[in-house]
Amino acid sequence: MKPEVTIKQASDNRSELESFERALSYGIQIQRDFDACDEIIKDNPQDEKSRYKKGIILYEMGYYDEAIKCFNALLKINPKYQSAYYAKGNVLRALGRLDEAEKAFAEQRQCWQYKPKRRTCNDHCFSICKSTALSTLL
């Protein structure tokens, strides 16, 4: 004789199954993203965004040393890629390499300081309003 399954047990099993399915789907998507990054990098070794995304995926999967290599390769291509320094610092911190992590964060902050100021929409609107106001006075 089979034991009867209660409604609570069935709902618990369903939530566990749904949780497993979500995790499996997420894992499949991560693998697709990783493979897409590899393909793009193979076709265009200078592609910064794909190298960054690949490093993030490696970090999230726990492949810290590979993530650091990926960020280092990206920083050779573009030494001013702020997010790569920040992500590299987080990976180094996760590894307990705090001195190196602080150096990466300092390099990220240095890039931020020297970033050229972009004109915002407010700056642009102000310049238009200012020139319009001056022209009406003349």
N, C-alpha and C. Protein backbone atom coordinates (compact mmCIF):
# COMPACT_ATOMS: atom_id res chain seq x y z
N MET A 1 0.83 -1.17 0.00
CA MET A 1 0.00 0.00 0.00
C MET A 1 0.89 1.25 0.00
N LYS A 2 0.60 2.23 -0.89
CA LYS A 2 1.38 3.45 -1.00
C LYS A 2 0.94 4.44 0.08
N PRO A 3 1.93 5.17 0.64
CA PRO A 3 1.52 6.21 1.60
C PRO A 3 0.85 7.35 0.86
N GLU A 4 -0.14 7.94 1.49
CA GLU A 4 -0.85 9.06 0.87
C GLU A 4 0.01 10.32 0.97
N VAL A 5 -0.04 11.12 -0.07
CA VAL A 5 0.69 12.38 -0.10
C VAL A 5 -0.28 13.48 0.31
N THR A 6 0.11 14.24 1.30
CA THR A 6 -0.76 15.33 1.73
C THR A 6 -0.64 16.51 0.76
N ILE A 7 -1.59 17.43 0.85
CA ILE A 7 -1.56 18.62 -0.01
C ILE A 7 -0.32 19.44 0.28
N LYS A 8 0.06 19.56 1.54
CA LYS A 8 1.25 20.34 1.91
C LYS A 8 2.50 19.72 1.29
N GLN A 9 2.63 18.39 1.35
CA GLN A 9 3.80 17.75 0.76
C GLN A 9 3.85 17.99 -0.75
N ALA A 10 2.70 17.91 -1.40
CA ALA A 10 2.66 18.13 -2.84
C ALA A 10 3.05 19.56 -3.18
N SER A 11 2.56 20.52 -2.39
CA SER A 11 2.91 21.91 -2.69
C SER A 11 4.38 22.17 -2.37
N ASP A 12 4.92 21.55 -1.32
CA ASP A 12 6.34 21.70 -1.02
C ASP A 12 7.18 21.15 -2.16
N ASN A 13 6.81 19.99 -2.66
CA ASN A 13 7.55 19.38 -3.76
C ASN A 13 7.46 20.25 -5.02
N ARG A 14 6.30 20.84 -5.26
CA ARG A 14 6.13 21.68 -6.43
C ARG A 14 7.02 22.92 -6.33
N SER A 15 7.08 23.54 -5.15
CA SER A 15 7.92 24.72 -5.01
C SER A 15 9.40 24.36 -5.15
N GLU A 16 9.77 23.19 -4.64
CA GLU A 16 11.15 22.74 -4.82
C GLU A 16 11.44 22.49 -6.29
N LEU A 17 10.50 21.88 -6.99
CA LEU A 17 10.67 21.61 -8.41
C LEU A 17 10.75 22.92 -9.20
N GLU A 18 9.88 23.87 -8.88
CA GLU A 18 9.92 25.16 -9.57
C GLU A 18 11.23 25.88 -9.30
N SER A 19 11.70 25.78 -8.07
CA SER A 19 12.97 26.40 -7.72
C SER A 19 14.11 25.76 -8.51
N PHE A 20 14.09 24.44 -8.60
CA PHE A 20 15.12 23.73 -9.37
C PHE A 20 15.05 24.11 -10.84
N GLU A 21 13.83 24.21 -11.39
CA GLU A 21 13.67 24.58 -12.80
C GLU A 21 14.19 25.99 -13.06
N ARG A 22 13.92 26.92 -12.13
CA ARG A 22 14.43 28.29 -12.29
C ARG A 22 15.96 28.29 -12.26
N ALA A 23 16.53 27.53 -11.33
CA ALA A 23 18.00 27.47 -11.22
C ALA A 23 18.60 26.86 -12.49
N LEU A 24 17.98 25.82 -13.00
CA LEU A 24 18.46 25.17 -14.22
C LEU A 24 18.35 26.13 -15.40
N SER A 25 17.23 26.82 -15.51
CA SER A 25 17.05 27.79 -16.59
C SER A 25 18.08 28.91 -16.50
N TYR A 26 18.33 29.39 -15.28
CA TYR A 26 19.33 30.44 -15.07
C TYR A 26 20.71 29.94 -15.49
N GLY A 27 21.03 28.70 -15.11
CA GLY A 27 22.32 28.12 -15.48
C GLY A 27 22.49 27.99 -16.98
N ILE A 28 21.43 27.60 -17.65
CA ILE A 28 21.46 27.48 -19.11
C ILE A 28 21.67 28.85 -19.74
N GLN A 29 20.97 29.87 -19.22
CA GLN A 29 21.12 31.22 -19.76
C GLN A 29 22.53 31.74 -19.54
N ILE A 30 23.09 31.48 -18.36
CA ILE A 30 24.47 31.90 -18.06
C ILE A 30 25.43 31.25 -19.06
N GLN A 31 25.24 29.96 -19.33
CA GLN A 31 26.11 29.25 -20.27
C GLN A 31 25.97 29.84 -21.67
N ARG A 32 24.75 30.19 -22.08
CA ARG A 32 24.54 30.81 -23.39
C ARG A 32 25.25 32.16 -23.47
N ASP A 33 25.10 32.95 -22.40
CA ASP A 33 25.76 34.27 -22.38
C ASP A 33 27.27 34.12 -22.44
N PHE A 34 27.79 33.15 -21.68
CA PHE A 34 29.23 32.90 -21.66
C PHE A 34 29.72 32.50 -23.04
N ASP A 35 29.00 31.58 -23.68
CA ASP A 35 29.37 31.13 -25.02
C ASP A 35 29.30 32.27 -26.03
N ALA A 36 28.26 33.13 -25.90
CA ALA A 36 28.13 34.28 -26.81
C ALA A 36 29.31 35.23 -26.63
N CYS A 37 29.71 35.46 -25.38
CA CYS A 37 30.87 36.33 -25.13
C CYS A 37 32.12 35.75 -25.78
N ASP A 38 32.33 34.45 -25.62
CA ASP A 38 33.50 33.80 -26.24
C ASP A 38 33.50 33.96 -27.75
N GLU A 39 32.33 33.79 -28.37
CA GLU A 39 32.22 33.93 -29.83
C GLU A 39 32.56 35.36 -30.27
N ILE A 40 32.01 36.33 -29.55
CA ILE A 40 32.27 37.72 -29.90
C ILE A 40 33.75 38.05 -29.74
N ILE A 41 34.34 37.57 -28.64
CA ILE A 41 35.76 37.84 -28.39
C ILE A 41 36.63 37.17 -29.44
N LYS A 42 36.22 35.97 -29.88
CA LYS A 42 36.97 35.28 -30.93
C LYS A 42 36.94 36.08 -32.23
N ASP A 43 35.77 36.64 -32.55
CA ASP A 43 35.63 37.44 -33.78
C ASP A 43 36.25 38.83 -33.64
N ASN A 44 36.16 39.40 -32.43
CA ASN A 44 36.67 40.75 -32.19
C ASN A 44 37.38 40.78 -30.84
N PRO A 45 38.67 40.48 -30.81
CA PRO A 45 39.40 40.41 -29.54
C PRO A 45 39.42 41.72 -28.75
N GLN A 46 39.10 42.84 -29.41
CA GLN A 46 39.11 44.14 -28.73
C GLN A 46 37.75 44.50 -28.11
N ASP A 47 36.76 43.61 -28.20
CA ASP A 47 35.42 43.93 -27.70
C ASP A 47 35.43 44.01 -26.16
N GLU A 48 35.27 45.21 -25.66
CA GLU A 48 35.38 45.46 -24.22
C GLU A 48 34.17 44.94 -23.44
N LYS A 49 32.97 45.16 -23.97
CA LYS A 49 31.76 44.77 -23.25
C LYS A 49 31.67 43.26 -23.06
N SER A 50 32.06 42.51 -24.09
CA SER A 50 32.01 41.05 -23.98
C SER A 50 33.04 40.54 -22.99
N ARG A 51 34.21 41.15 -22.99
CA ARG A 51 35.23 40.75 -22.00
C ARG A 51 34.75 41.06 -20.58
N TYR A 52 34.13 42.20 -20.41
CA TYR A 52 33.62 42.58 -19.09
C TYR A 52 32.53 41.59 -18.65
N LYS A 53 31.58 41.32 -19.52
CA LYS A 53 30.49 40.40 -19.18
C LYS A 53 31.02 39.01 -18.88
N LYS A 54 31.99 38.56 -19.66
CA LYS A 54 32.57 37.25 -19.41
C LYS A 54 33.23 37.20 -18.03
N GLY A 55 33.93 38.28 -17.67
CA GLY A 55 34.55 38.35 -16.35
C GLY A 55 33.52 38.30 -15.23
N ILE A 56 32.42 39.00 -15.42
CA ILE A 56 31.34 39.00 -14.42
C ILE A 56 30.75 37.60 -14.28
N ILE A 57 30.51 36.94 -15.40
CA ILE A 57 29.97 35.57 -15.36
C ILE A 57 30.92 34.65 -14.62
N LEU A 58 32.21 34.73 -14.94
CA LEU A 58 33.19 33.90 -14.25
C LEU A 58 33.20 34.17 -12.75
N TYR A 59 33.10 35.44 -12.39
CA TYR A 59 33.06 35.81 -10.97
C TYR A 59 31.83 35.22 -10.29
N GLU A 60 30.66 35.36 -10.92
CA GLU A 60 29.43 34.84 -10.35
C GLU A 60 29.45 33.31 -10.22
N MET A 61 30.16 32.66 -11.12
CA MET A 61 30.26 31.20 -11.08
C MET A 61 31.33 30.71 -10.10
N GLY A 62 32.10 31.65 -9.56
CA GLY A 62 33.12 31.27 -8.58
C GLY A 62 34.49 30.99 -9.18
N TYR A 63 34.68 31.28 -10.45
CA TYR A 63 35.98 31.10 -11.10
C TYR A 63 36.77 32.40 -10.98
N TYR A 64 37.23 32.67 -9.77
CA TYR A 64 37.82 33.96 -9.46
C TYR A 64 39.11 34.24 -10.22
N ASP A 65 40.00 33.26 -10.29
CA ASP A 65 41.27 33.49 -10.99
C ASP A 65 41.05 33.77 -12.47
N GLU A 66 40.12 33.04 -13.09
CA GLU A 66 39.81 33.27 -14.50
C GLU A 66 39.16 34.64 -14.70
N ALA A 67 38.34 35.05 -13.74
CA ALA A 67 37.70 36.37 -13.83
C ALA A 67 38.76 37.47 -13.78
N ILE A 68 39.73 37.33 -12.88
CA ILE A 68 40.81 38.32 -12.78
C ILE A 68 41.58 38.39 -14.09
N LYS A 69 41.88 37.23 -14.68
CA LYS A 69 42.58 37.22 -15.97
C LYS A 69 41.77 37.95 -17.04
N CYS A 70 40.47 37.74 -17.02
CA CYS A 70 39.59 38.38 -18.00
C CYS A 70 39.59 39.90 -17.81
N PHE A 71 39.49 40.35 -16.56
CA PHE A 71 39.52 41.78 -16.30
C PHE A 71 40.87 42.39 -16.63
N ASN A 72 41.94 41.66 -16.35
CA ASN A 72 43.28 42.16 -16.70
C ASN A 72 43.44 42.31 -18.21
N ALA A 73 42.92 41.33 -18.96
CA ALA A 73 42.98 41.42 -20.43
C ALA A 73 42.19 42.63 -20.92
N LEU A 74 41.04 42.86 -20.32
CA LEU A 74 40.23 44.03 -20.68
C LEU A 74 40.97 45.33 -20.36
N LEU A 75 41.63 45.38 -19.21
CA LEU A 75 42.33 46.60 -18.82
C LEU A 75 43.57 46.86 -19.67
N LYS A 76 44.10 45.82 -20.31
CA LYS A 76 45.18 46.03 -21.29
C LYS A 76 44.63 46.71 -22.54
N ILE A 77 43.41 46.36 -22.91
CA ILE A 77 42.77 46.96 -24.08
C ILE A 77 42.37 48.40 -23.77
N ASN A 78 41.76 48.59 -22.61
CA ASN A 78 41.29 49.93 -22.21
C ASN A 78 41.63 50.16 -20.74
N PRO A 79 42.75 50.82 -20.46
CA PRO A 79 43.16 51.03 -19.07
C PRO A 79 42.27 51.99 -18.29
N LYS A 80 41.29 52.60 -18.94
CA LYS A 80 40.38 53.52 -18.26
C LYS A 80 38.98 52.93 -18.07
N TYR A 81 38.83 51.62 -18.20
CA TYR A 81 37.53 50.96 -18.05
C TYR A 81 37.23 50.81 -16.55
N GLN A 82 36.53 51.81 -16.02
CA GLN A 82 36.31 51.89 -14.57
C GLN A 82 35.65 50.66 -13.98
N SER A 83 34.62 50.16 -14.62
CA SER A 83 33.87 49.01 -14.09
C SER A 83 34.75 47.78 -13.96
N ALA A 84 35.74 47.64 -14.84
CA ALA A 84 36.63 46.49 -14.78
C ALA A 84 37.50 46.55 -13.52
N TYR A 85 37.96 47.75 -13.17
CA TYR A 85 38.73 47.89 -11.93
C TYR A 85 37.86 47.56 -10.72
N TYR A 86 36.63 48.05 -10.74
CA TYR A 86 35.73 47.81 -9.62
C TYR A 86 35.42 46.32 -9.48
N ALA A 87 35.10 45.66 -10.59
CA ALA A 87 34.80 44.23 -10.56
C ALA A 87 36.02 43.43 -10.13
N LYS A 88 37.18 43.81 -10.65
CA LYS A 88 38.43 43.14 -10.26
C LYS A 88 38.66 43.30 -8.76
N GLY A 89 38.40 44.49 -8.23
CA GLY A 89 38.54 44.71 -6.79
C GLY A 89 37.61 43.82 -5.98
N ASN A 90 36.39 43.64 -6.46
CA ASN A 90 35.44 42.75 -5.77
C ASN A 90 35.90 41.30 -5.78
N VAL A 91 36.45 40.86 -6.91
CA VAL A 91 36.96 39.49 -7.00
C VAL A 91 38.14 39.31 -6.04
N LEU A 92 39.04 40.26 -6.05
CA LEU A 92 40.21 40.18 -5.16
C LEU A 92 39.78 40.20 -3.69
N ARG A 93 38.77 41.00 -3.38
CA ARG A 93 38.26 41.04 -2.01
C ARG A 93 37.66 39.69 -1.63
N ALA A 94 36.93 39.06 -2.57
CA ALA A 94 36.35 37.74 -2.30
C ALA A 94 37.43 36.70 -2.04
N LEU A 95 38.59 36.88 -2.67
CA LEU A 95 39.71 35.96 -2.46
C LEU A 95 40.51 36.29 -1.19
N GLY A 96 40.17 37.39 -0.55
CA GLY A 96 40.89 37.79 0.65
C GLY A 96 42.18 38.53 0.37
N ARG A 97 42.38 38.93 -0.87
CA ARG A 97 43.58 39.68 -1.26
C ARG A 97 43.27 41.17 -1.16
N LEU A 98 43.16 41.64 0.08
CA LEU A 98 42.63 42.96 0.35
C LEU A 98 43.52 44.10 -0.13
N ASP A 99 44.84 43.93 -0.04
CA ASP A 99 45.74 44.99 -0.52
C ASP A 99 45.59 45.20 -2.02
N GLU A 100 45.53 44.09 -2.75
CA GLU A 100 45.35 44.18 -4.20
C GLU A 100 43.97 44.74 -4.55
N ALA A 101 42.98 44.36 -3.75
CA ALA A 101 41.62 44.87 -3.98
C ALA A 101 41.59 46.38 -3.80
N GLU A 102 42.22 46.86 -2.75
CA GLU A 102 42.24 48.31 -2.50
C GLU A 102 42.96 49.03 -3.63
N LYS A 103 44.00 48.43 -4.17
CA LYS A 103 44.71 49.04 -5.30
C LYS A 103 43.79 49.15 -6.52
N ALA A 104 43.02 48.09 -6.78
CA ALA A 104 42.09 48.10 -7.91
C ALA A 104 41.01 49.17 -7.71
N PHE A 105 40.50 49.28 -6.48
CA PHE A 105 39.49 50.31 -6.19
C PHE A 105 40.08 51.71 -6.35
N ALA A 106 41.34 51.87 -5.93
CA ALA A 106 42.00 53.19 -6.07
C ALA A 106 42.18 53.54 -7.54
N GLU A 107 42.53 52.56 -8.37
CA GLU A 107 42.68 52.81 -9.80
C GLU A 107 41.34 53.17 -10.42
N GLN A 108 40.27 52.53 -9.93
CA GLN A 108 38.93 52.84 -10.43
C GLN A 108 38.57 54.28 -10.07
N ARG A 109 38.85 54.68 -8.84
CA ARG A 109 38.56 56.05 -8.42
C ARG A 109 39.38 57.06 -9.22
N GLN A 110 40.63 56.71 -9.52
CA GLN A 110 41.48 57.60 -10.31
C GLN A 110 40.91 57.80 -11.71
N CYS A 111 40.41 56.74 -12.30
CA CYS A 111 39.77 56.86 -13.62
C CYS A 111 38.56 57.77 -13.52
N TRP A 112 37.84 57.68 -12.45
CA TRP A 112 36.65 58.50 -12.27
C TRP A 112 37.01 59.98 -12.19
N GLN A 113 38.11 60.29 -11.50
CA GLN A 113 38.53 61.68 -11.36
C GLN A 113 38.87 62.31 -12.70
N TYR A 114 39.49 61.56 -13.57
CA TYR A 114 39.97 62.11 -14.84
C TYR A 114 38.98 61.94 -15.98
N LYS A 115 37.80 61.47 -15.67
CA LYS A 115 36.78 61.31 -16.70
C LYS A 115 36.33 62.69 -17.15
N PRO A 116 36.33 62.95 -18.46
CA PRO A 116 35.92 64.27 -18.92
C PRO A 116 34.45 64.53 -18.59
N LYS A 117 34.15 65.76 -18.24
CA LYS A 117 32.79 66.11 -17.88
C LYS A 117 31.92 66.10 -19.13
N ARG A 118 30.84 65.35 -19.05
CA ARG A 118 29.89 65.34 -20.16
C ARG A 118 28.84 66.41 -19.91
N ARG A 119 28.41 67.01 -20.98
CA ARG A 119 27.33 67.99 -20.84
C ARG A 119 26.03 67.23 -20.60
N THR A 120 25.34 67.63 -19.57
CA THR A 120 24.06 67.01 -19.28
C THR A 120 22.96 67.75 -20.02
N CYS A 121 21.80 67.18 -20.01
CA CYS A 121 20.64 67.83 -20.64
C CYS A 121 20.39 69.18 -19.98
N ASN A 122 20.55 69.23 -18.65
CA ASN A 122 20.33 70.50 -17.94
C ASN A 122 21.33 71.56 -18.40
N ASP A 123 22.60 71.17 -18.59
CA ASP A 123 23.61 72.12 -19.07
C ASP A 123 23.20 72.66 -20.44
N HIS A 124 22.77 71.76 -21.30
CA HIS A 124 22.39 72.14 -22.66
C HIS A 124 21.18 73.08 -22.62
N CYS A 125 20.16 72.73 -21.83
CA CYS A 125 18.96 73.57 -21.73
C CYS A 125 19.31 74.94 -21.17
N PHE A 126 20.20 74.96 -20.18
CA PHE A 126 20.61 76.23 -19.58
C PHE A 126 21.30 77.11 -20.62
N SER A 127 22.17 76.52 -21.43
CA SER A 127 22.87 77.32 -22.45
C SER A 127 21.90 77.85 -23.49
N ILE A 128 20.89 77.06 -23.85
CA ILE A 128 19.89 77.52 -24.81
C ILE A 128 19.07 78.67 -24.21
N CYS A 129 18.63 78.47 -22.97
CA CYS A 129 17.82 79.52 -22.31
C CYS A 129 18.64 80.79 -22.14
N LYS A 130 19.90 80.64 -21.80
CA LYS A 130 20.76 81.80 -21.59
C LYS A 130 20.94 82.56 -22.91
N SER A 131 21.21 81.85 -23.98
CA SER A 131 21.39 82.53 -25.27
C SER A 131 20.10 83.13 -25.77
N THR A 132 18.98 82.48 -25.51
CA THR A 132 17.68 83.02 -25.92
C THR A 132 17.36 84.28 -25.13
N ALA A 133 17.65 84.26 -23.84
CA ALA A 133 17.39 85.43 -23.00
C ALA A 133 18.27 86.59 -23.42
N LEU A 134 19.53 86.33 -23.76
CA LEU A 134 20.43 87.39 -24.21
C LEU A 134 19.97 87.96 -25.55
N SER A 135 19.51 87.11 -26.43
CA SER A 135 19.09 87.60 -27.76
C SER A 135 17.84 88.48 -27.66
N THR A 136 16.96 88.18 -26.67
CA THR A 136 15.77 89.02 -26.53
C THR A 136 16.10 90.37 -25.94
N LEU A 137 17.22 90.42 -25.19
CA LEU A 137 17.63 91.71 -24.62
C LEU A 137 18.30 92.62 -25.64
N LEU A 138 18.88 92.03 -26.66
CA LEU A 138 19.63 92.83 -27.66
C LEU A 138 18.75 93.42 -28.69
